[in-house]
N, C-alpha and C. Protein backbone atom coordinates (compact mmCIF):
# COMPACT_ATOMS: atom_id res chain seq x y z
N MET A 1 89.53 144.85 112.69
CA MET A 1 88.14 144.46 112.84
C MET A 1 87.31 145.00 111.67
N LEU A 2 87.56 146.27 111.32
CA LEU A 2 86.82 146.88 110.21
C LEU A 2 87.08 146.12 108.91
N ARG A 3 88.31 145.67 108.70
CA ARG A 3 88.63 144.89 107.49
C ARG A 3 87.82 143.60 107.44
N ARG A 4 87.69 142.93 108.56
CA ARG A 4 86.92 141.68 108.60
C ARG A 4 85.45 141.94 108.27
N ILE A 5 84.91 143.00 108.81
CA ILE A 5 83.51 143.34 108.55
C ILE A 5 83.32 143.66 107.07
N LEU A 6 84.23 144.46 106.51
CA LEU A 6 84.14 144.79 105.08
C LEU A 6 84.30 143.55 104.21
N ALA A 7 85.23 142.68 104.57
CA ALA A 7 85.43 141.45 103.79
C ALA A 7 84.18 140.58 103.84
N LEU A 8 83.57 140.47 105.01
CA LEU A 8 82.35 139.68 105.14
C LEU A 8 81.22 140.31 104.34
N ALA A 9 81.11 141.62 104.36
CA ALA A 9 80.06 142.31 103.61
C ALA A 9 80.23 142.09 102.11
N PHE A 10 81.46 142.19 101.61
CA PHE A 10 81.71 141.95 100.18
C PHE A 10 81.43 140.49 99.81
N ALA A 11 81.81 139.58 100.67
CA ALA A 11 81.57 138.16 100.39
C ALA A 11 80.07 137.88 100.33
N CYS A 12 79.31 138.45 101.24
CA CYS A 12 77.86 138.25 101.23
C CYS A 12 77.21 138.88 100.01
N ALA A 13 77.72 140.03 99.61
CA ALA A 13 77.16 140.71 98.43
C ALA A 13 77.45 139.93 97.15
N ALA A 14 78.59 139.28 97.09
CA ALA A 14 78.97 138.53 95.89
C ALA A 14 78.31 137.16 95.82
N ALA A 15 77.93 136.60 96.94
CA ALA A 15 77.39 135.24 96.95
C ALA A 15 76.19 135.04 96.04
N PRO A 16 75.19 135.96 96.01
CA PRO A 16 74.05 135.73 95.13
C PRO A 16 74.44 135.66 93.65
N SER A 17 75.46 136.40 93.23
CA SER A 17 75.84 136.38 91.82
C SER A 17 76.45 135.04 91.42
N PHE A 18 77.13 134.36 92.34
CA PHE A 18 77.67 133.04 92.02
C PHE A 18 76.53 132.04 91.83
N GLY A 19 75.49 132.15 92.61
CA GLY A 19 74.36 131.25 92.50
C GLY A 19 73.62 131.41 91.19
N GLN A 20 73.67 132.58 90.59
CA GLN A 20 72.98 132.81 89.34
C GLN A 20 73.59 132.01 88.20
N LEU A 21 74.85 131.62 88.31
CA LEU A 21 75.49 130.89 87.23
C LEU A 21 75.25 129.39 87.32
N ALA A 22 74.70 128.91 88.44
CA ALA A 22 74.41 127.49 88.57
C ALA A 22 73.20 127.15 87.71
N ASP A 23 73.16 125.94 87.21
CA ASP A 23 72.05 125.51 86.37
C ASP A 23 70.83 125.27 87.25
N ALA A 24 69.82 126.13 87.11
CA ALA A 24 68.61 126.03 87.92
C ALA A 24 67.67 124.95 87.40
N ASN A 25 67.87 124.49 86.18
CA ASN A 25 66.99 123.51 85.58
C ASN A 25 67.81 122.34 85.03
N PRO A 26 68.15 121.37 85.87
CA PRO A 26 69.00 120.27 85.40
C PRO A 26 68.32 119.39 84.34
N ASP A 27 67.00 119.47 84.19
CA ASP A 27 66.28 118.67 83.20
C ASP A 27 66.12 119.40 81.87
N TRP A 28 66.73 120.57 81.73
CA TRP A 28 66.59 121.37 80.51
C TRP A 28 67.13 120.60 79.31
N LYS A 29 66.42 120.69 78.21
CA LYS A 29 66.86 120.07 76.95
C LYS A 29 66.85 121.13 75.86
N GLU A 30 67.92 121.18 75.10
CA GLU A 30 68.01 122.11 73.98
C GLU A 30 67.27 121.55 72.78
N VAL A 31 66.49 122.40 72.12
CA VAL A 31 65.86 121.98 70.87
C VAL A 31 66.89 122.12 69.76
N GLU A 32 66.68 121.42 68.67
CA GLU A 32 67.62 121.50 67.56
C GLU A 32 67.59 122.92 66.98
N ALA A 33 68.75 123.49 66.82
CA ALA A 33 68.85 124.85 66.28
C ALA A 33 68.50 124.83 64.80
N PRO A 34 67.71 125.79 64.35
CA PRO A 34 67.45 125.88 62.91
C PRO A 34 68.75 126.20 62.17
N PRO A 35 68.80 125.93 60.88
CA PRO A 35 70.02 126.26 60.13
C PRO A 35 70.26 127.76 60.13
N PRO A 36 71.50 128.17 60.00
CA PRO A 36 71.79 129.61 60.00
C PRO A 36 71.21 130.28 58.76
N PRO A 37 70.71 131.48 58.92
CA PRO A 37 70.20 132.22 57.77
C PRO A 37 71.35 132.78 56.92
N ALA A 38 71.01 133.29 55.77
CA ALA A 38 72.01 133.93 54.92
C ALA A 38 72.63 135.11 55.66
N VAL A 39 73.89 135.33 55.42
CA VAL A 39 74.60 136.43 56.08
C VAL A 39 74.25 137.74 55.39
N ARG A 40 73.89 138.71 56.21
CA ARG A 40 73.63 140.07 55.71
C ARG A 40 74.62 141.01 56.39
N THR A 41 75.09 141.99 55.65
CA THR A 41 75.99 142.97 56.23
C THR A 41 75.36 144.36 56.29
N GLN A 42 74.14 144.48 55.81
CA GLN A 42 73.42 145.75 55.84
C GLN A 42 72.38 145.71 56.96
N GLY A 43 72.15 146.84 57.60
CA GLY A 43 71.11 146.94 58.61
C GLY A 43 71.44 146.26 59.92
N LEU A 44 72.71 146.03 60.19
CA LEU A 44 73.10 145.37 61.44
C LEU A 44 72.91 146.31 62.62
N VAL A 45 72.60 145.72 63.77
CA VAL A 45 72.51 146.47 65.02
C VAL A 45 73.88 146.40 65.68
N ALA A 46 74.51 147.55 65.84
CA ALA A 46 75.87 147.59 66.40
C ALA A 46 75.89 147.03 67.82
N VAL A 47 76.94 146.30 68.12
CA VAL A 47 77.16 145.75 69.46
C VAL A 47 78.13 146.66 70.18
N ASP A 48 77.73 147.14 71.34
CA ASP A 48 78.56 148.03 72.15
C ASP A 48 79.70 147.22 72.75
N MET A 49 80.93 147.54 72.31
CA MET A 49 82.11 146.80 72.76
C MET A 49 83.02 147.70 73.57
N PRO A 50 83.81 147.09 74.49
CA PRO A 50 84.76 147.89 75.25
C PRO A 50 85.82 148.49 74.33
N SER A 51 86.40 149.58 74.78
CA SER A 51 87.46 150.21 73.98
C SER A 51 88.65 149.27 73.88
N GLY A 52 89.41 149.44 72.83
CA GLY A 52 90.59 148.62 72.62
C GLY A 52 90.35 147.41 71.74
N ILE A 53 89.12 147.17 71.35
CA ILE A 53 88.81 146.04 70.46
C ILE A 53 88.67 146.60 69.05
N SER A 54 89.49 146.12 68.14
CA SER A 54 89.51 146.69 66.79
C SER A 54 88.38 146.17 65.91
N LEU A 55 87.85 144.99 66.20
CA LEU A 55 86.75 144.47 65.39
C LEU A 55 85.45 145.19 65.72
N ARG A 56 84.63 145.38 64.69
CA ARG A 56 83.27 145.91 64.90
C ARG A 56 82.31 144.74 64.78
N PHE A 57 81.35 144.68 65.69
CA PHE A 57 80.37 143.60 65.69
C PHE A 57 78.98 144.18 65.49
N GLY A 58 78.14 143.42 64.78
CA GLY A 58 76.75 143.81 64.59
C GLY A 58 75.88 142.57 64.51
N VAL A 59 74.68 142.67 65.08
CA VAL A 59 73.72 141.57 65.06
C VAL A 59 72.75 141.81 63.91
N ASP A 60 72.49 140.77 63.13
CA ASP A 60 71.48 140.84 62.07
C ASP A 60 70.12 140.75 62.75
N PRO A 61 69.33 141.83 62.75
CA PRO A 61 68.06 141.81 63.47
C PRO A 61 67.08 140.76 62.94
N ALA A 62 67.17 140.44 61.65
CA ALA A 62 66.27 139.44 61.08
C ALA A 62 66.61 138.03 61.54
N SER A 63 67.80 137.83 62.09
CA SER A 63 68.22 136.49 62.50
C SER A 63 67.88 136.18 63.95
N VAL A 64 67.47 137.16 64.73
CA VAL A 64 67.22 136.95 66.16
C VAL A 64 65.96 136.12 66.35
N SER A 65 66.09 135.07 67.17
CA SER A 65 64.94 134.24 67.51
C SER A 65 65.07 133.79 68.96
N VAL A 66 63.93 133.42 69.53
CA VAL A 66 63.91 132.85 70.88
C VAL A 66 63.25 131.49 70.75
N GLY A 67 64.01 130.43 71.03
CA GLY A 67 63.49 129.07 70.88
C GLY A 67 62.59 128.66 72.02
N ALA A 68 61.86 127.58 71.82
CA ALA A 68 61.01 127.02 72.87
C ALA A 68 61.84 126.61 74.08
N ASP A 69 63.14 126.42 73.88
CA ASP A 69 64.06 126.06 74.97
C ASP A 69 64.60 127.29 75.71
N GLY A 70 64.17 128.49 75.29
CA GLY A 70 64.63 129.72 75.93
C GLY A 70 65.95 130.23 75.41
N VAL A 71 66.51 129.60 74.39
CA VAL A 71 67.80 130.03 73.84
C VAL A 71 67.56 131.17 72.84
N VAL A 72 68.32 132.24 73.00
CA VAL A 72 68.29 133.36 72.07
C VAL A 72 69.35 133.07 71.00
N ARG A 73 68.90 132.91 69.76
CA ARG A 73 69.83 132.61 68.65
C ARG A 73 69.88 133.82 67.72
N TYR A 74 71.07 134.03 67.12
CA TYR A 74 71.28 135.20 66.26
C TYR A 74 72.54 135.00 65.44
N VAL A 75 72.67 135.82 64.42
CA VAL A 75 73.91 135.89 63.63
C VAL A 75 74.57 137.20 64.01
N VAL A 76 75.85 137.11 64.36
CA VAL A 76 76.66 138.29 64.64
C VAL A 76 77.74 138.37 63.58
N VAL A 77 77.90 139.57 63.02
CA VAL A 77 78.87 139.79 61.95
C VAL A 77 80.03 140.61 62.53
N ALA A 78 81.24 140.14 62.27
CA ALA A 78 82.45 140.84 62.73
C ALA A 78 83.18 141.38 61.52
N SER A 79 83.56 142.65 61.59
CA SER A 79 84.33 143.23 60.50
C SER A 79 85.58 143.90 61.06
N SER A 80 86.67 143.73 60.34
CA SER A 80 87.95 144.27 60.78
C SER A 80 88.19 145.62 60.10
N PRO A 81 89.15 146.39 60.60
CA PRO A 81 89.49 147.66 59.97
C PRO A 81 89.97 147.49 58.53
N THR A 82 90.47 146.30 58.18
CA THR A 82 90.95 146.07 56.82
C THR A 82 89.83 145.66 55.86
N GLY A 83 88.61 145.46 56.41
CA GLY A 83 87.47 145.11 55.57
C GLY A 83 87.10 143.65 55.57
N ALA A 84 87.85 142.81 56.27
CA ALA A 84 87.50 141.39 56.35
C ALA A 84 86.21 141.23 57.14
N VAL A 85 85.33 140.34 56.66
CA VAL A 85 84.03 140.13 57.29
C VAL A 85 83.85 138.63 57.56
N ASN A 86 83.49 138.31 58.78
CA ASN A 86 83.16 136.95 59.18
C ASN A 86 81.88 137.00 60.00
N ALA A 87 81.24 135.86 60.17
CA ALA A 87 80.01 135.82 60.95
C ALA A 87 79.97 134.56 61.80
N LEU A 88 79.21 134.64 62.87
CA LEU A 88 78.98 133.51 63.77
C LEU A 88 77.48 133.35 63.97
N TYR A 89 77.03 132.12 63.99
CA TYR A 89 75.66 131.80 64.36
C TYR A 89 75.74 131.26 65.77
N GLU A 90 75.18 132.03 66.73
CA GLU A 90 75.35 131.73 68.15
C GLU A 90 74.01 131.56 68.85
N GLY A 91 74.10 130.96 70.03
CA GLY A 91 72.96 130.88 70.92
C GLY A 91 73.38 131.32 72.31
N LEU A 92 72.49 132.06 72.98
CA LEU A 92 72.72 132.47 74.36
C LEU A 92 71.72 131.75 75.25
N ARG A 93 72.21 131.12 76.26
CA ARG A 93 71.35 130.52 77.27
C ARG A 93 71.43 131.42 78.49
N CYS A 94 70.47 132.33 78.59
CA CYS A 94 70.47 133.33 79.65
C CYS A 94 70.41 132.70 81.04
N GLU A 95 69.66 131.61 81.16
CA GLU A 95 69.47 130.95 82.45
C GLU A 95 70.79 130.54 83.09
N SER A 96 71.75 130.11 82.30
CA SER A 96 73.03 129.65 82.84
C SER A 96 74.21 130.52 82.43
N ALA A 97 73.94 131.65 81.77
CA ALA A 97 74.99 132.57 81.32
C ALA A 97 76.02 131.85 80.46
N GLU A 98 75.52 131.17 79.39
CA GLU A 98 76.39 130.42 78.50
C GLU A 98 76.13 130.80 77.05
N VAL A 99 77.12 130.55 76.22
CA VAL A 99 77.03 130.80 74.79
C VAL A 99 77.50 129.56 74.03
N LYS A 100 76.91 129.38 72.86
CA LYS A 100 77.29 128.26 72.00
C LYS A 100 77.41 128.78 70.58
N VAL A 101 78.47 128.41 69.89
CA VAL A 101 78.65 128.78 68.48
C VAL A 101 78.22 127.57 67.65
N TYR A 102 77.13 127.75 66.89
CA TYR A 102 76.60 126.66 66.07
C TYR A 102 77.35 126.56 64.73
N ALA A 103 77.73 127.71 64.18
CA ALA A 103 78.40 127.69 62.88
C ALA A 103 79.20 128.98 62.70
N ARG A 104 80.21 128.89 61.83
CA ARG A 104 81.04 130.05 61.47
C ARG A 104 80.91 130.26 59.97
N HIS A 105 80.98 131.52 59.56
CA HIS A 105 80.85 131.85 58.15
C HIS A 105 82.04 132.70 57.73
N ASN A 106 82.57 132.39 56.58
CA ASN A 106 83.53 133.30 55.97
C ASN A 106 83.21 133.34 54.48
N PRO A 107 83.64 134.38 53.81
CA PRO A 107 83.24 134.57 52.41
C PRO A 107 83.66 133.43 51.48
N ASP A 108 84.74 132.73 51.79
CA ASP A 108 85.24 131.69 50.90
C ASP A 108 84.48 130.37 51.01
N SER A 109 84.07 130.01 52.23
CA SER A 109 83.48 128.69 52.42
C SER A 109 82.01 128.70 52.83
N GLY A 110 81.45 129.86 53.12
CA GLY A 110 80.06 129.92 53.59
C GLY A 110 79.97 129.43 55.03
N TRP A 111 78.80 128.91 55.39
CA TRP A 111 78.58 128.43 56.76
C TRP A 111 79.25 127.08 56.95
N VAL A 112 79.99 126.96 58.04
CA VAL A 112 80.62 125.70 58.42
C VAL A 112 80.16 125.38 59.84
N PRO A 113 79.43 124.27 60.02
CA PRO A 113 78.97 123.93 61.37
C PRO A 113 80.16 123.73 62.32
N SER A 114 79.98 124.17 63.55
CA SER A 114 81.02 123.97 64.57
C SER A 114 81.04 122.50 64.96
N ARG A 115 82.22 121.94 64.94
CA ARG A 115 82.34 120.54 65.36
C ARG A 115 82.29 120.49 66.88
N ASP A 116 81.50 119.59 67.40
CA ASP A 116 81.39 119.37 68.84
C ASP A 116 81.10 120.67 69.59
N ALA A 117 80.12 121.42 69.10
CA ALA A 117 79.75 122.69 69.75
C ALA A 117 79.24 122.41 71.17
N GLN A 118 79.79 123.13 72.12
CA GLN A 118 79.43 122.97 73.53
C GLN A 118 79.05 124.32 74.12
N TRP A 119 78.21 124.30 75.14
CA TRP A 119 77.90 125.51 75.88
C TRP A 119 79.13 125.92 76.68
N GLN A 120 79.49 127.20 76.59
CA GLN A 120 80.66 127.74 77.27
C GLN A 120 80.23 128.92 78.15
N PRO A 121 80.84 129.08 79.32
CA PRO A 121 80.50 130.22 80.17
C PRO A 121 80.80 131.55 79.47
N LEU A 122 79.87 132.47 79.57
CA LEU A 122 80.06 133.79 78.96
C LEU A 122 81.19 134.58 79.60
N HIS A 123 81.36 134.40 80.88
CA HIS A 123 82.27 135.25 81.65
C HIS A 123 83.72 134.83 81.61
N SER A 124 84.03 133.65 81.09
CA SER A 124 85.40 133.18 81.20
C SER A 124 86.13 133.07 79.87
N ARG A 125 85.52 133.50 78.80
CA ARG A 125 86.16 133.36 77.48
C ARG A 125 86.39 134.74 76.87
N PRO A 126 87.65 135.10 76.62
CA PRO A 126 87.91 136.39 75.99
C PRO A 126 87.31 136.51 74.59
N ASN A 127 87.16 135.38 73.88
CA ASN A 127 86.61 135.43 72.53
C ASN A 127 85.10 135.61 72.51
N SER A 128 84.47 135.63 73.67
CA SER A 128 83.02 135.80 73.70
C SER A 128 82.60 137.14 74.28
N ARG A 129 83.48 138.13 74.23
CA ARG A 129 83.13 139.45 74.75
C ARG A 129 81.93 140.03 74.02
N HIS A 130 81.86 139.80 72.72
CA HIS A 130 80.70 140.31 71.97
C HIS A 130 79.42 139.62 72.42
N SER A 131 79.50 138.33 72.74
CA SER A 131 78.33 137.58 73.22
C SER A 131 77.87 138.12 74.57
N LEU A 132 78.81 138.39 75.45
CA LEU A 132 78.49 138.95 76.76
C LEU A 132 77.83 140.31 76.59
N SER A 133 78.34 141.12 75.67
CA SER A 133 77.75 142.43 75.42
C SER A 133 76.32 142.29 74.88
N ILE A 134 76.10 141.34 73.98
CA ILE A 134 74.75 141.12 73.44
C ILE A 134 73.81 140.68 74.56
N ALA A 135 74.28 139.79 75.43
CA ALA A 135 73.46 139.32 76.55
C ALA A 135 73.11 140.48 77.47
N ARG A 136 74.09 141.28 77.84
CA ARG A 136 73.88 142.38 78.79
C ARG A 136 73.09 143.54 78.21
N ASN A 137 73.20 143.74 76.91
CA ASN A 137 72.61 144.94 76.31
C ASN A 137 71.31 144.70 75.57
N GLY A 138 70.64 143.58 75.86
CA GLY A 138 69.33 143.42 75.26
C GLY A 138 68.81 142.01 75.14
N ALA A 139 69.68 141.00 75.06
CA ALA A 139 69.17 139.64 74.85
C ALA A 139 68.65 139.00 76.13
N CYS A 140 69.29 139.28 77.25
CA CYS A 140 68.91 138.63 78.50
C CYS A 140 68.53 139.66 79.55
N VAL A 141 67.60 139.27 80.39
CA VAL A 141 67.28 140.04 81.59
C VAL A 141 67.10 139.02 82.71
N GLY A 142 67.86 139.20 83.77
CA GLY A 142 67.84 138.20 84.83
C GLY A 142 68.31 136.86 84.29
N ARG A 143 67.50 135.83 84.49
CA ARG A 143 67.87 134.48 84.05
C ARG A 143 67.07 134.04 82.84
N GLY A 144 66.59 134.99 82.05
CA GLY A 144 65.81 134.60 80.88
C GLY A 144 65.97 135.59 79.75
N PRO A 145 65.42 135.25 78.59
CA PRO A 145 65.44 136.18 77.46
C PRO A 145 64.66 137.44 77.84
N SER A 146 65.03 138.56 77.27
CA SER A 146 64.38 139.82 77.64
C SER A 146 63.06 140.03 76.90
N GLY A 147 62.54 138.99 76.29
CA GLY A 147 61.24 139.08 75.62
C GLY A 147 61.26 138.33 74.31
N THR A 148 60.40 138.77 73.42
CA THR A 148 60.34 138.17 72.09
C THR A 148 61.53 138.63 71.26
N ALA A 149 61.69 138.04 70.08
CA ALA A 149 62.79 138.45 69.20
C ALA A 149 62.72 139.93 68.88
N SER A 150 61.53 140.44 68.59
CA SER A 150 61.41 141.87 68.25
C SER A 150 61.71 142.76 69.46
N GLU A 151 61.35 142.32 70.67
CA GLU A 151 61.67 143.09 71.87
C GLU A 151 63.18 143.08 72.13
N ILE A 152 63.84 141.96 71.86
CA ILE A 152 65.29 141.89 72.03
C ILE A 152 65.98 142.83 71.04
N VAL A 153 65.54 142.83 69.79
CA VAL A 153 66.13 143.73 68.79
C VAL A 153 65.92 145.18 69.21
N ARG A 154 64.73 145.51 69.69
CA ARG A 154 64.46 146.88 70.15
C ARG A 154 65.39 147.25 71.30
N SER A 155 65.60 146.33 72.24
CA SER A 155 66.51 146.60 73.36
C SER A 155 67.95 146.79 72.88
N LEU A 156 68.39 145.96 71.93
CA LEU A 156 69.75 146.10 71.41
C LEU A 156 69.94 147.44 70.70
N ARG A 157 68.88 147.94 70.08
CA ARG A 157 68.97 149.23 69.36
C ARG A 157 68.92 150.42 70.30
N THR A 158 68.37 150.25 71.48
CA THR A 158 68.19 151.35 72.42
C THR A 158 69.52 151.70 73.09
N PRO A 159 69.89 152.98 73.08
CA PRO A 159 71.12 153.37 73.78
C PRO A 159 71.04 153.00 75.26
N PRO A 160 72.15 152.59 75.85
CA PRO A 160 72.14 152.13 77.25
C PRO A 160 71.49 153.11 78.22
N GLU A 161 71.68 154.40 78.00
CA GLU A 161 71.12 155.38 78.95
C GLU A 161 69.60 155.48 78.88
N HIS A 162 68.98 154.88 77.86
CA HIS A 162 67.52 154.95 77.71
C HIS A 162 66.85 153.58 77.84
N ARG A 163 67.60 152.55 78.13
CA ARG A 163 67.05 151.18 78.10
C ARG A 163 65.91 150.93 79.06
N PHE A 164 65.93 151.55 80.22
CA PHE A 164 64.93 151.23 81.24
C PHE A 164 63.90 152.33 81.41
N GLU A 165 63.83 153.23 80.48
CA GLU A 165 62.81 154.26 80.53
C GLU A 165 61.47 153.67 80.11
N LYS A 166 60.41 154.23 80.68
CA LYS A 166 59.06 153.79 80.28
C LYS A 166 58.78 154.36 78.91
N ARG A 167 58.11 153.56 78.08
CA ARG A 167 57.79 154.01 76.72
C ARG A 167 56.34 154.35 76.62
């Protein structure tokens, strides 16, 4: 009997989180993304990643924007222990917990637009762990952007233990 009660309690507690991933605005339209800015490797805001990931990620604070459509767009730079550097121009749709890669950059070819770029769930793609971390650590709050571009950059720079302190 206790197992049934606990199972029911866990199911009820989890139900609201599933509803958050449903599209609350079926009439939403994405505005055209501006072209990606030049890639910078200096002054990046480090992305807090789980242990075991060898790549280092950083967001270019000058690239962060919040569109009229509510999409948080930014350039994230990935660097490997061997010194290889690549970048992605991404958008986060906080309302539906999705990410879209608009373009990829590498030193040899520059920016290359993603062919048939589609919104993908943040939670189901191993290659979007950095995007999930950016969303959780400053870009999104609830079902929307956590503020203006400068407020998002400030949140990303703030250590997790101080994020919700009054300033």
